[in-house]
Amino acid sequence: DLLIYADIGMDSVTYQLAAMRLAPVQCVLVGHGATSGLPTVDYYLSGDFEAPQAQEHYRERLIRLPNLGAAQLPPPFPPTGKLTRKDFNLPEDAVLLVSCANGIKHSSDRDALLVRILQQAPQAMIVLKPFMDPSMAQPQWTERIQAAARAGGVEDRLRIIPPLAHASDLMDFLALADIQLDTYPYGGWTTNMEAVYAGLAVVTQEGDQARTRWGAHILRALGVTA
């Protein structure tokens, strides 16, 4: 009677399945952060972070559920304290800003912003963890970011680290940081949730589309309004 897709778009197969009317009513969750665009998908189940005019962004009928529209599970591996900044060759006295967002979310027009942050915060260091596993690594992406840092004279304070050895290391890594930098215009959901669980302050930007509003609304749900 009812078929709910966790996402449509993260894998091409989901588009193929959703394009067929496999159930009288088909819905999709926020897994991909954008409308499916398919006439065979009836409802988009989202959250209360949506902008007032958000229905204009969806072909589906938009359903705004309360409390972000999701029951988020805590990370399966709590911090253990086994990792230190020395393990990553990071200075103990630096204000550490991290972003664990997928590399595809770091668009080239954001490079200059990272450089400006470091130029205006001389005690800060930015560490990016853009790849989940070695197969995802893109040398051209890494070189682009590093070239921008060199041009801005901050190459010694912008670090790109390889994938962590174990999934259980993520929360320990986050626990070493001070601030999580959200990405824009495609912000983080899981990455921001993980940062919150690790006790990090989150710096985000807010736009009018869902994928630009997750970080801000996570903070509002915690009572952080400014």
N, C-alpha and C. Protein backbone atom coordinates (compact mmCIF):
# COMPACT_ATOMS: atom_id res chain seq x y z
N ASP A 1 0.81 -1.22 0.00
CA ASP A 1 0.00 0.00 0.00
C ASP A 1 0.85 1.27 0.00
N LEU A 2 1.97 1.22 0.69
CA LEU A 2 2.80 2.41 0.87
C LEU A 2 4.27 2.02 0.78
N LEU A 3 5.03 2.76 -0.02
CA LEU A 3 6.47 2.50 -0.17
C LEU A 3 7.21 3.79 0.16
N ILE A 4 8.14 3.70 1.13
CA ILE A 4 8.93 4.86 1.55
C ILE A 4 10.39 4.60 1.20
N TYR A 5 10.97 5.48 0.41
CA TYR A 5 12.37 5.39 0.06
C TYR A 5 13.18 6.23 1.06
N ALA A 6 14.26 5.65 1.57
CA ALA A 6 15.12 6.40 2.48
C ALA A 6 15.77 7.58 1.75
N ASP A 7 16.08 7.38 0.50
CA ASP A 7 16.54 8.48 -0.35
C ASP A 7 16.34 8.07 -1.80
N ILE A 8 16.28 9.05 -2.65
CA ILE A 8 16.26 8.82 -4.09
C ILE A 8 17.31 9.74 -4.69
N GLY A 9 18.38 9.16 -5.20
CA GLY A 9 19.41 9.96 -5.83
C GLY A 9 20.82 9.62 -5.41
N MET A 10 20.99 9.02 -4.23
CA MET A 10 22.34 8.65 -3.81
C MET A 10 22.86 7.46 -4.62
N ASP A 11 21.95 6.72 -5.21
CA ASP A 11 22.31 5.59 -6.07
C ASP A 11 21.35 5.59 -7.25
N SER A 12 21.86 5.38 -8.45
CA SER A 12 21.01 5.45 -9.65
C SER A 12 19.88 4.41 -9.62
N VAL A 13 20.11 3.31 -8.93
CA VAL A 13 19.08 2.27 -8.86
C VAL A 13 17.82 2.80 -8.18
N THR A 14 17.98 3.69 -7.20
CA THR A 14 16.81 4.22 -6.52
C THR A 14 15.93 5.01 -7.48
N TYR A 15 16.54 5.72 -8.41
CA TYR A 15 15.75 6.44 -9.41
C TYR A 15 14.97 5.45 -10.29
N GLN A 16 15.61 4.38 -10.67
CA GLN A 16 14.94 3.40 -11.53
C GLN A 16 13.76 2.75 -10.83
N LEU A 17 13.94 2.42 -9.57
CA LEU A 17 12.84 1.80 -8.82
C LEU A 17 11.72 2.80 -8.59
N ALA A 18 12.08 4.02 -8.16
CA ALA A 18 11.06 5.01 -7.84
C ALA A 18 10.29 5.46 -9.07
N ALA A 19 10.90 5.35 -10.26
CA ALA A 19 10.22 5.74 -11.49
C ALA A 19 9.10 4.78 -11.85
N MET A 20 9.12 3.61 -11.24
CA MET A 20 8.04 2.65 -11.44
C MET A 20 7.04 2.78 -10.29
N ARG A 21 5.80 2.63 -10.56
CA ARG A 21 4.76 2.73 -9.53
C ARG A 21 4.67 1.37 -8.84
N LEU A 22 5.58 1.14 -7.89
CA LEU A 22 5.63 -0.15 -7.20
C LEU A 22 4.63 -0.24 -6.06
N ALA A 23 4.03 0.90 -5.68
CA ALA A 23 3.00 0.92 -4.65
C ALA A 23 2.04 2.05 -4.96
N PRO A 24 0.79 1.97 -4.47
CA PRO A 24 -0.17 3.05 -4.75
C PRO A 24 0.30 4.42 -4.27
N VAL A 25 1.01 4.43 -3.15
CA VAL A 25 1.55 5.69 -2.62
C VAL A 25 3.05 5.51 -2.41
N GLN A 26 3.83 6.42 -2.99
CA GLN A 26 5.28 6.37 -2.83
C GLN A 26 5.77 7.67 -2.19
N CYS A 27 6.67 7.51 -1.20
CA CYS A 27 7.22 8.65 -0.46
C CYS A 27 8.74 8.55 -0.44
N VAL A 28 9.37 9.68 -0.14
CA VAL A 28 10.82 9.68 -0.01
C VAL A 28 11.20 10.52 1.21
N LEU A 29 12.24 10.09 1.90
CA LEU A 29 12.77 10.82 3.04
C LEU A 29 13.87 11.78 2.59
N VAL A 30 14.51 12.42 3.55
CA VAL A 30 15.44 13.51 3.26
C VAL A 30 16.85 13.01 2.95
N GLY A 31 17.03 11.73 2.68
CA GLY A 31 18.37 11.20 2.50
C GLY A 31 19.22 11.94 1.48
N HIS A 32 18.62 12.44 0.42
CA HIS A 32 19.38 13.12 -0.62
C HIS A 32 19.27 14.64 -0.55
N GLY A 33 18.30 15.15 0.15
CA GLY A 33 18.21 16.59 0.34
C GLY A 33 17.69 17.39 -0.83
N ALA A 34 16.97 16.74 -1.76
CA ALA A 34 16.41 17.46 -2.90
C ALA A 34 15.24 16.65 -3.45
N THR A 35 14.38 17.32 -4.16
CA THR A 35 13.26 16.62 -4.77
C THR A 35 13.74 15.53 -5.71
N SER A 36 12.96 14.46 -5.79
CA SER A 36 13.29 13.42 -6.76
C SER A 36 12.98 13.88 -8.18
N GLY A 37 12.00 14.79 -8.31
CA GLY A 37 11.57 15.26 -9.63
C GLY A 37 10.70 14.26 -10.36
N LEU A 38 10.34 13.17 -9.71
CA LEU A 38 9.60 12.09 -10.37
C LEU A 38 8.09 12.24 -10.14
N PRO A 39 7.30 12.11 -11.18
CA PRO A 39 5.84 12.17 -11.01
C PRO A 39 5.29 10.95 -10.28
N THR A 40 6.08 9.90 -10.15
CA THR A 40 5.63 8.69 -9.46
C THR A 40 5.86 8.73 -7.96
N VAL A 41 6.49 9.79 -7.46
CA VAL A 41 6.71 9.94 -6.01
C VAL A 41 5.74 11.01 -5.51
N ASP A 42 4.91 10.62 -4.55
CA ASP A 42 3.79 11.47 -4.15
C ASP A 42 4.11 12.44 -3.02
N TYR A 43 4.92 11.99 -2.06
CA TYR A 43 5.17 12.80 -0.88
C TYR A 43 6.67 12.85 -0.57
N TYR A 44 7.11 14.03 -0.13
CA TYR A 44 8.47 14.20 0.36
C TYR A 44 8.36 14.46 1.86
N LEU A 45 8.87 13.52 2.67
CA LEU A 45 8.76 13.61 4.12
C LEU A 45 9.99 14.33 4.66
N SER A 46 9.80 15.58 5.07
CA SER A 46 10.90 16.41 5.50
C SER A 46 10.69 16.83 6.94
N GLY A 47 11.32 17.95 7.34
CA GLY A 47 11.25 18.39 8.72
C GLY A 47 10.82 19.83 8.84
N ASP A 48 10.81 20.31 10.08
CA ASP A 48 10.36 21.69 10.32
C ASP A 48 11.46 22.71 10.06
N PHE A 49 12.58 22.26 9.48
CA PHE A 49 13.63 23.19 9.08
C PHE A 49 13.34 23.83 7.73
N GLU A 50 12.34 23.34 7.02
CA GLU A 50 12.04 23.86 5.68
C GLU A 50 11.60 25.32 5.74
N ALA A 51 11.98 26.07 4.72
CA ALA A 51 11.58 27.47 4.62
C ALA A 51 10.09 27.58 4.33
N PRO A 52 9.47 28.72 4.63
CA PRO A 52 8.03 28.87 4.40
C PRO A 52 7.60 28.56 2.97
N GLN A 53 8.41 28.94 1.98
CA GLN A 53 8.05 28.74 0.58
C GLN A 53 8.59 27.43 0.02
N ALA A 54 8.97 26.49 0.89
CA ALA A 54 9.71 25.30 0.46
C ALA A 54 8.93 24.41 -0.50
N GLN A 55 7.60 24.43 -0.48
CA GLN A 55 6.85 23.58 -1.40
C GLN A 55 7.23 23.87 -2.85
N GLU A 56 7.68 25.08 -3.14
CA GLU A 56 8.10 25.44 -4.50
C GLU A 56 9.33 24.65 -4.95
N HIS A 57 10.05 24.05 -4.01
CA HIS A 57 11.28 23.32 -4.33
C HIS A 57 11.04 21.84 -4.63
N TYR A 58 9.79 21.40 -4.51
CA TYR A 58 9.51 19.97 -4.62
C TYR A 58 8.41 19.70 -5.63
N ARG A 59 8.61 18.64 -6.41
CA ARG A 59 7.53 18.16 -7.26
C ARG A 59 6.53 17.39 -6.40
N GLU A 60 7.04 16.67 -5.40
CA GLU A 60 6.19 15.92 -4.49
C GLU A 60 5.42 16.89 -3.56
N ARG A 61 4.42 16.39 -2.89
CA ARG A 61 3.77 17.17 -1.84
C ARG A 61 4.67 17.12 -0.61
N LEU A 62 5.02 18.28 -0.09
CA LEU A 62 5.95 18.37 1.02
C LEU A 62 5.21 18.17 2.34
N ILE A 63 5.72 17.27 3.17
CA ILE A 63 5.20 17.04 4.51
C ILE A 63 6.28 17.46 5.51
N ARG A 64 5.97 18.44 6.34
CA ARG A 64 6.92 18.93 7.34
C ARG A 64 6.65 18.23 8.68
N LEU A 65 7.52 17.32 9.06
CA LEU A 65 7.41 16.64 10.35
C LEU A 65 8.13 17.46 11.42
N PRO A 66 7.71 17.34 12.68
CA PRO A 66 8.35 18.14 13.74
C PRO A 66 9.72 17.60 14.12
N ASN A 67 10.48 18.43 14.83
CA ASN A 67 11.77 18.02 15.42
C ASN A 67 12.73 17.48 14.36
N LEU A 68 12.92 18.26 13.32
CA LEU A 68 13.81 17.91 12.22
C LEU A 68 13.28 16.78 11.36
N GLY A 69 12.19 16.16 11.75
CA GLY A 69 11.60 15.10 10.94
C GLY A 69 12.30 13.78 11.02
N ALA A 70 13.19 13.59 12.01
CA ALA A 70 13.95 12.34 12.09
C ALA A 70 14.29 12.03 13.55
N ALA A 71 14.30 10.76 13.87
CA ALA A 71 14.78 10.30 15.17
C ALA A 71 16.22 9.84 14.97
N GLN A 72 17.15 10.74 15.25
CA GLN A 72 18.56 10.47 14.96
C GLN A 72 19.15 9.53 16.00
N LEU A 73 19.79 8.46 15.53
CA LEU A 73 20.46 7.54 16.43
C LEU A 73 21.83 8.11 16.82
N PRO A 74 22.24 7.96 18.07
CA PRO A 74 23.59 8.41 18.45
C PRO A 74 24.65 7.63 17.69
N PRO A 75 25.84 8.20 17.53
CA PRO A 75 26.92 7.45 16.88
C PRO A 75 27.17 6.13 17.61
N PRO A 76 27.45 5.06 16.88
CA PRO A 76 27.61 3.75 17.52
C PRO A 76 28.89 3.63 18.33
N PHE A 77 29.86 4.54 18.10
CA PHE A 77 31.14 4.44 18.79
C PHE A 77 31.38 5.73 19.58
N PRO A 78 31.15 5.75 20.88
CA PRO A 78 31.41 6.95 21.67
C PRO A 78 32.90 7.22 21.78
N PRO A 79 33.27 8.46 22.10
CA PRO A 79 34.70 8.78 22.24
C PRO A 79 35.35 7.93 23.32
N THR A 80 36.57 7.49 23.07
CA THR A 80 37.30 6.68 24.04
C THR A 80 38.52 7.41 24.59
N GLY A 81 38.94 8.48 23.91
CA GLY A 81 40.11 9.21 24.36
C GLY A 81 41.43 8.59 23.95
N LYS A 82 41.39 7.59 23.07
CA LYS A 82 42.64 6.91 22.70
C LYS A 82 43.47 7.70 21.71
N LEU A 83 42.86 8.65 20.98
CA LEU A 83 43.60 9.45 20.02
C LEU A 83 43.97 10.80 20.63
N THR A 84 45.10 11.32 20.23
CA THR A 84 45.54 12.64 20.68
C THR A 84 45.90 13.48 19.45
N ARG A 85 46.10 14.75 19.66
CA ARG A 85 46.50 15.61 18.56
C ARG A 85 47.86 15.19 18.00
N LYS A 86 48.69 14.64 18.84
CA LYS A 86 50.00 14.19 18.38
C LYS A 86 49.87 13.10 17.32
N ASP A 87 48.81 12.29 17.41
CA ASP A 87 48.61 11.23 16.42
C ASP A 87 48.41 11.80 15.02
N PHE A 88 47.96 13.05 14.93
CA PHE A 88 47.73 13.69 13.63
C PHE A 88 48.72 14.83 13.39
N ASN A 89 49.73 14.93 14.25
CA ASN A 89 50.73 15.98 14.14
C ASN A 89 50.09 17.36 14.17
N LEU A 90 49.16 17.55 15.11
CA LEU A 90 48.46 18.81 15.25
C LEU A 90 48.93 19.51 16.53
N PRO A 91 49.14 20.80 16.49
CA PRO A 91 49.62 21.52 17.68
C PRO A 91 48.58 21.55 18.79
N GLU A 92 49.05 21.43 20.01
CA GLU A 92 48.15 21.40 21.15
C GLU A 92 47.50 22.75 21.41
N ASP A 93 48.19 23.84 21.04
CA ASP A 93 47.69 25.18 21.39
C ASP A 93 46.85 25.81 20.28
N ALA A 94 46.63 25.13 19.19
CA ALA A 94 45.84 25.71 18.09
C ALA A 94 44.35 25.58 18.36
N VAL A 95 43.60 26.58 17.88
CA VAL A 95 42.15 26.45 17.84
C VAL A 95 41.83 25.61 16.61
N LEU A 96 41.32 24.42 16.84
CA LEU A 96 41.18 23.44 15.75
C LEU A 96 39.78 23.48 15.18
N LEU A 97 39.69 23.85 13.90
CA LEU A 97 38.43 23.86 13.16
C LEU A 97 38.45 22.66 12.21
N VAL A 98 37.40 21.84 12.27
CA VAL A 98 37.38 20.64 11.44
C VAL A 98 36.14 20.63 10.55
N SER A 99 36.26 19.89 9.46
CA SER A 99 35.12 19.56 8.63
C SER A 99 35.31 18.15 8.10
N CYS A 100 34.36 17.29 8.42
CA CYS A 100 34.42 15.90 7.94
C CYS A 100 33.46 15.67 6.78
N ALA A 101 32.98 16.75 6.18
CA ALA A 101 32.05 16.63 5.05
C ALA A 101 32.73 15.99 3.85
N ASN A 102 31.96 15.25 3.09
CA ASN A 102 32.45 14.65 1.85
C ASN A 102 33.08 15.71 0.96
N GLY A 103 34.16 15.33 0.30
CA GLY A 103 34.89 16.28 -0.54
C GLY A 103 34.04 16.97 -1.59
N ILE A 104 33.00 16.30 -2.09
CA ILE A 104 32.17 16.92 -3.12
C ILE A 104 31.40 18.13 -2.59
N LYS A 105 31.31 18.27 -1.27
CA LYS A 105 30.61 19.43 -0.69
C LYS A 105 31.53 20.64 -0.57
N HIS A 106 32.82 20.45 -0.76
CA HIS A 106 33.76 21.56 -0.70
C HIS A 106 33.97 22.11 -2.11
N SER A 107 33.05 22.94 -2.55
CA SER A 107 33.15 23.49 -3.89
C SER A 107 34.30 24.49 -3.96
N SER A 108 34.80 24.73 -5.17
CA SER A 108 35.97 25.58 -5.35
C SER A 108 35.74 27.01 -4.89
N ASP A 109 34.49 27.49 -4.93
CA ASP A 109 34.24 28.86 -4.51
C ASP A 109 34.32 29.02 -2.99
N ARG A 110 34.53 27.90 -2.27
CA ARG A 110 34.69 27.97 -0.82
C ARG A 110 36.16 28.02 -0.42
N ASP A 111 37.06 27.75 -1.35
CA ASP A 111 38.48 27.73 -1.00
C ASP A 111 38.92 29.06 -0.39
N ALA A 112 38.50 30.14 -1.01
CA ALA A 112 38.92 31.46 -0.53
C ALA A 112 38.40 31.74 0.87
N LEU A 113 37.21 31.21 1.20
CA LEU A 113 36.65 31.41 2.53
C LEU A 113 37.52 30.73 3.59
N LEU A 114 37.96 29.50 3.31
CA LEU A 114 38.82 28.81 4.26
C LEU A 114 40.11 29.59 4.48
N VAL A 115 40.65 30.13 3.40
CA VAL A 115 41.89 30.91 3.50
C VAL A 115 41.65 32.17 4.34
N ARG A 116 40.53 32.85 4.11
CA ARG A 116 40.25 34.08 4.86
C ARG A 116 40.08 33.80 6.35
N ILE A 117 39.46 32.68 6.67
CA ILE A 117 39.30 32.32 8.09
C ILE A 117 40.67 32.22 8.75
N LEU A 118 41.59 31.54 8.10
CA LEU A 118 42.91 31.35 8.68
C LEU A 118 43.70 32.66 8.71
N GLN A 119 43.53 33.50 7.71
CA GLN A 119 44.22 34.78 7.70
C GLN A 119 43.75 35.68 8.84
N GLN A 120 42.48 35.58 9.20
CA GLN A 120 41.92 36.43 10.25
C GLN A 120 42.00 35.79 11.63
N ALA A 121 42.34 34.51 11.70
CA ALA A 121 42.45 33.81 12.98
C ALA A 121 43.82 33.14 13.03
N PRO A 122 44.87 33.87 13.37
CA PRO A 122 46.22 33.33 13.29
C PRO A 122 46.51 32.17 14.24
N GLN A 123 45.68 31.98 15.26
CA GLN A 123 45.89 30.87 16.18
C GLN A 123 45.11 29.62 15.76
N ALA A 124 44.42 29.70 14.63
CA ALA A 124 43.55 28.59 14.21
C ALA A 124 44.24 27.70 13.19
N MET A 125 43.75 26.47 13.14
CA MET A 125 44.14 25.52 12.11
C MET A 125 42.87 24.83 11.61
N ILE A 126 42.77 24.66 10.30
CA ILE A 126 41.64 23.95 9.70
C ILE A 126 42.10 22.57 9.25
N VAL A 127 41.36 21.56 9.66
CA VAL A 127 41.64 20.18 9.26
C VAL A 127 40.42 19.63 8.54
N LEU A 128 40.61 19.19 7.31
CA LEU A 128 39.54 18.60 6.52
C LEU A 128 39.75 17.09 6.44
N LYS A 129 38.64 16.36 6.60
CA LYS A 129 38.66 14.91 6.38
C LYS A 129 37.61 14.61 5.31
N PRO A 130 37.98 14.80 4.04
CA PRO A 130 36.97 14.77 2.98
C PRO A 130 36.64 13.40 2.42
N PHE A 131 37.43 12.38 2.74
CA PHE A 131 37.24 11.07 2.11
C PHE A 131 37.01 10.00 3.18
N MET A 132 36.00 9.17 2.94
CA MET A 132 35.66 8.14 3.92
C MET A 132 36.55 6.91 3.80
N ASP A 133 37.02 6.62 2.59
CA ASP A 133 37.91 5.48 2.40
C ASP A 133 38.86 5.81 1.26
N PRO A 134 39.98 5.08 1.16
CA PRO A 134 41.00 5.41 0.15
C PRO A 134 40.48 5.44 -1.28
N SER A 135 39.46 4.66 -1.59
CA SER A 135 38.94 4.63 -2.96
C SER A 135 38.29 5.95 -3.37
N MET A 136 37.90 6.76 -2.39
CA MET A 136 37.24 8.02 -2.67
C MET A 136 38.22 9.18 -2.86
N ALA A 137 39.47 8.96 -2.51
CA ALA A 137 40.45 10.05 -2.55
C ALA A 137 40.61 10.62 -3.95
N GLN A 138 40.65 11.94 -4.04
CA GLN A 138 40.80 12.62 -5.32
C GLN A 138 41.98 13.58 -5.23
N PRO A 139 43.15 13.19 -5.77
CA PRO A 139 44.34 14.04 -5.66
C PRO A 139 44.14 15.44 -6.23
N GLN A 140 43.36 15.57 -7.30
CA GLN A 140 43.17 16.88 -7.91
C GLN A 140 42.40 17.81 -6.97
N TRP A 141 41.49 17.24 -6.20
CA TRP A 141 40.74 18.04 -5.21
C TRP A 141 41.68 18.52 -4.12
N THR A 142 42.51 17.60 -3.62
CA THR A 142 43.46 17.95 -2.56
C THR A 142 44.42 19.03 -3.03
N GLU A 143 44.93 18.90 -4.24
CA GLU A 143 45.87 19.89 -4.76
C GLU A 143 45.20 21.24 -4.94
N ARG A 144 43.95 21.27 -5.34
CA ARG A 144 43.24 22.54 -5.50
C ARG A 144 43.17 23.30 -4.18
N ILE A 145 42.78 22.60 -3.12
CA ILE A 145 42.68 23.23 -1.80
C ILE A 145 44.05 23.70 -1.33
N GLN A 146 45.04 22.84 -1.48
CA GLN A 146 46.38 23.18 -1.01
C GLN A 146 46.97 24.35 -1.80
N ALA A 147 46.66 24.43 -3.10
CA ALA A 147 47.13 25.56 -3.90
C ALA A 147 46.53 26.87 -3.41
N ALA A 148 45.26 26.84 -3.06
CA ALA A 148 44.62 28.05 -2.52
C ALA A 148 45.25 28.46 -1.20
N ALA A 149 45.57 27.47 -0.37
CA ALA A 149 46.21 27.77 0.91
C ALA A 149 47.60 28.35 0.71
N ARG A 150 48.35 27.81 -0.24
CA ARG A 150 49.69 28.35 -0.52
C ARG A 150 49.60 29.78 -1.02
N ALA A 151 48.66 30.04 -1.91
CA ALA A 151 48.51 31.39 -2.46
C ALA A 151 48.14 32.39 -1.37
N GLY A 152 47.42 31.91 -0.35
CA GLY A 152 47.02 32.80 0.74
C GLY A 152 48.00 32.83 1.89
N GLY A 153 49.10 32.09 1.78
CA GLY A 153 50.12 32.11 2.81
C GLY A 153 49.74 31.38 4.08
N VAL A 154 48.80 30.42 3.99
CA VAL A 154 48.35 29.69 5.20
C VAL A 154 48.49 28.19 5.02
N GLU A 155 49.38 27.76 4.12
CA GLU A 155 49.47 26.34 3.81
C GLU A 155 49.86 25.49 5.00
N ASP A 156 50.55 26.09 6.00
CA ASP A 156 50.97 25.32 7.17
C ASP A 156 49.84 25.15 8.19
N ARG A 157 48.70 25.81 7.93
CA ARG A 157 47.58 25.72 8.88
C ARG A 157 46.30 25.19 8.25
N LEU A 158 46.40 24.66 7.05
CA LEU A 158 45.26 23.98 6.43
C LEU A 158 45.69 22.56 6.09
N ARG A 159 45.15 21.61 6.80
CA ARG A 159 45.58 20.22 6.69
C ARG A 159 44.46 19.36 6.13
N ILE A 160 44.80 18.47 5.24
CA ILE A 160 43.85 17.49 4.70
C ILE A 160 44.35 16.12 5.12
N ILE A 161 43.56 15.41 5.92
CA ILE A 161 44.02 14.13 6.43
C ILE A 161 43.38 12.99 5.66
N PRO A 162 44.03 11.86 5.60
CA PRO A 162 43.47 10.70 4.89
C PRO A 162 42.34 10.08 5.68
N PRO A 163 41.62 9.12 5.10
CA PRO A 163 40.55 8.44 5.83
C PRO A 163 41.07 7.84 7.13
N LEU A 164 40.23 7.85 8.14
CA LEU A 164 40.62 7.26 9.42
C LEU A 164 40.72 5.75 9.29
N ALA A 165 41.57 5.17 10.11
CA ALA A 165 41.81 3.73 10.01
C ALA A 165 40.58 2.92 10.36
N HIS A 166 39.80 3.40 11.32
CA HIS A 166 38.62 2.66 11.79
C HIS A 166 37.45 3.62 11.96
N ALA A 167 36.24 3.15 11.67
CA ALA A 167 35.06 3.99 11.86
C ALA A 167 34.92 4.43 13.31
N SER A 168 35.38 3.61 14.22
CA SER A 168 35.29 3.94 15.64
C SER A 168 36.20 5.08 16.04
N ASP A 169 37.13 5.49 15.14
CA ASP A 169 38.04 6.59 15.45
C ASP A 169 37.41 7.97 15.24
N LEU A 170 36.25 8.02 14.58
CA LEU A 170 35.70 9.32 14.20
C LEU A 170 35.39 10.19 15.41
N MET A 171 34.68 9.65 16.39
CA MET A 171 34.31 10.47 17.53
C MET A 171 35.54 10.88 18.34
N ASP A 172 36.54 10.01 18.38
CA ASP A 172 37.79 10.39 19.05
C ASP A 172 38.48 11.53 18.32
N PHE A 173 38.43 11.50 16.99
CA PHE A 173 39.01 12.59 16.21
C PHE A 173 38.27 13.89 16.46
N LEU A 174 36.94 13.84 16.42
CA LEU A 174 36.15 15.05 16.65
C LEU A 174 36.39 15.62 18.04
N ALA A 175 36.60 14.75 19.00
CA ALA A 175 36.82 15.21 20.37
C ALA A 175 38.09 16.04 20.51
N LEU A 176 38.99 15.97 19.54
CA LEU A 176 40.22 16.75 19.57
C LEU A 176 40.01 18.17 19.09
N ALA A 177 38.88 18.43 18.44
CA ALA A 177 38.64 19.72 17.79
C ALA A 177 37.89 20.68 18.71
N ASP A 178 37.79 21.92 18.25
CA ASP A 178 37.06 22.95 18.97
C ASP A 178 35.80 23.39 18.25
N ILE A 179 35.84 23.40 16.92
CA ILE A 179 34.73 23.92 16.12
C ILE A 179 34.55 23.06 14.89
N GLN A 180 33.28 22.82 14.52
CA GLN A 180 32.96 22.15 13.26
C GLN A 180 32.52 23.20 12.25
N LEU A 181 33.14 23.20 11.09
CA LEU A 181 32.74 24.10 10.00
C LEU A 181 31.77 23.36 9.08
N ASP A 182 30.56 23.86 8.99
CA ASP A 182 29.58 23.28 8.08
C ASP A 182 29.91 23.71 6.66
N THR A 183 29.40 22.98 5.68
CA THR A 183 29.59 23.33 4.28
C THR A 183 28.35 24.04 3.74
N TYR A 184 28.52 24.74 2.64
CA TYR A 184 27.44 25.50 2.01
C TYR A 184 27.73 25.56 0.51
N PRO A 185 26.75 25.39 -0.34
CA PRO A 185 25.32 25.33 -0.08
C PRO A 185 24.77 23.94 0.23
N TYR A 186 25.62 22.91 0.22
CA TYR A 186 25.12 21.60 0.61
C TYR A 186 25.68 21.30 2.00
N GLY A 187 24.88 21.57 3.01
CA GLY A 187 25.33 21.42 4.38
C GLY A 187 25.34 19.98 4.85
N GLY A 188 25.69 19.82 6.10
CA GLY A 188 25.78 18.48 6.67
C GLY A 188 24.61 18.18 7.59
N TRP A 189 24.18 16.94 7.54
CA TRP A 189 23.22 16.43 8.51
C TRP A 189 23.97 15.53 9.48
N THR A 190 24.44 14.40 8.98
CA THR A 190 25.14 13.45 9.85
C THR A 190 26.41 14.07 10.43
N THR A 191 27.17 14.79 9.60
CA THR A 191 28.41 15.37 10.10
C THR A 191 28.15 16.39 11.21
N ASN A 192 27.09 17.18 11.09
CA ASN A 192 26.77 18.13 12.15
C ASN A 192 26.24 17.42 13.39
N MET A 193 25.43 16.39 13.19
CA MET A 193 24.95 15.62 14.34
C MET A 193 26.11 15.00 15.10
N GLU A 194 27.06 14.44 14.37
CA GLU A 194 28.22 13.82 15.02
C GLU A 194 29.03 14.87 15.78
N ALA A 195 29.16 16.06 15.20
CA ALA A 195 29.88 17.13 15.89
C ALA A 195 29.18 17.52 17.17
N VAL A 196 27.85 17.60 17.12
CA VAL A 196 27.09 17.95 18.32
C VAL A 196 27.28 16.89 19.41
N TYR A 197 27.23 15.62 19.00
CA TYR A 197 27.45 14.55 19.98
C TYR A 197 28.85 14.63 20.59
N ALA A 198 29.82 15.13 19.82
CA ALA A 198 31.19 15.26 20.32
C ALA A 198 31.39 16.54 21.13
N GLY A 199 30.34 17.36 21.23
CA GLY A 199 30.43 18.58 22.02
C GLY A 199 31.04 19.76 21.32
N LEU A 200 31.06 19.74 19.98
CA LEU A 200 31.67 20.84 19.24
C LEU A 200 30.67 21.96 18.97
N ALA A 201 31.19 23.18 18.96
CA ALA A 201 30.41 24.29 18.42
C ALA A 201 30.37 24.14 16.91
N VAL A 202 29.23 24.48 16.31
CA VAL A 202 29.06 24.35 14.86
C VAL A 202 28.86 25.74 14.26
N VAL A 203 29.65 26.06 13.26
CA VAL A 203 29.50 27.32 12.52
C VAL A 203 28.87 26.97 11.17
N THR A 204 27.73 27.57 10.88
CA THR A 204 26.99 27.19 9.68
C THR A 204 26.45 28.43 8.99
N GLN A 205 25.96 28.24 7.79
CA GLN A 205 25.26 29.27 7.04
C GLN A 205 23.86 28.76 6.71
N GLU A 206 22.92 29.67 6.57
CA GLU A 206 21.54 29.27 6.32
C GLU A 206 21.01 29.93 5.05
N GLY A 207 20.39 29.12 4.20
CA GLY A 207 19.77 29.63 2.98
C GLY A 207 18.30 29.31 2.98
N ASP A 208 17.70 29.21 1.78
CA ASP A 208 16.27 28.97 1.71
C ASP A 208 15.91 27.55 1.30
N GLN A 209 16.91 26.72 0.95
CA GLN A 209 16.64 25.33 0.59
C GLN A 209 17.01 24.41 1.74
N ALA A 210 16.40 23.24 1.77
CA ALA A 210 16.56 22.34 2.90
C ALA A 210 18.02 22.05 3.20
N ARG A 211 18.80 21.76 2.16
CA ARG A 211 20.18 21.35 2.39
C ARG A 211 21.07 22.48 2.88
N THR A 212 20.53 23.72 2.88
CA THR A 212 21.28 24.84 3.46
C THR A 212 20.79 25.18 4.87
N ARG A 213 19.84 24.40 5.40
CA ARG A 213 19.19 24.79 6.65
C ARG A 213 19.36 23.77 7.78
N TRP A 214 19.92 22.60 7.47
CA TRP A 214 20.02 21.57 8.50
C TRP A 214 20.85 22.02 9.70
N GLY A 215 22.04 22.54 9.43
CA GLY A 215 22.92 22.93 10.52
C GLY A 215 22.29 23.96 11.43
N ALA A 216 21.68 24.99 10.84
CA ALA A 216 21.06 26.05 11.63
C ALA A 216 19.93 25.51 12.49
N HIS A 217 19.14 24.59 11.93
CA HIS A 217 18.00 24.12 12.71
C HIS A 217 18.42 23.11 13.78
N ILE A 218 19.48 22.38 13.54
CA ILE A 218 20.03 21.52 14.60
C ILE A 218 20.40 22.40 15.80
N LEU A 219 21.03 23.53 15.52
CA LEU A 219 21.40 24.44 16.60
C LEU A 219 20.16 25.02 17.29
N ARG A 220 19.15 25.38 16.51
CA ARG A 220 17.92 25.90 17.13
C ARG A 220 17.27 24.86 18.02
N ALA A 221 17.30 23.59 17.58
CA ALA A 221 16.71 22.53 18.39
C ALA A 221 17.42 22.40 19.74
N LEU A 222 18.68 22.82 19.78
CA LEU A 222 19.46 22.79 21.02
C LEU A 222 19.33 24.08 21.81
N GLY A 223 18.56 25.03 21.26
CA GLY A 223 18.39 26.29 21.95
C GLY A 223 19.43 27.33 21.61
N VAL A 224 20.25 27.08 20.59
CA VAL A 224 21.27 28.04 20.16
C VAL A 224 20.66 28.89 19.04
N THR A 225 20.49 30.16 19.30
CA THR A 225 19.79 31.01 18.33
C THR A 225 20.67 32.13 17.79
N ALA A 226 21.86 32.28 18.30
CA ALA A 226 22.72 33.36 17.81
C ALA A 226 24.18 32.96 18.02
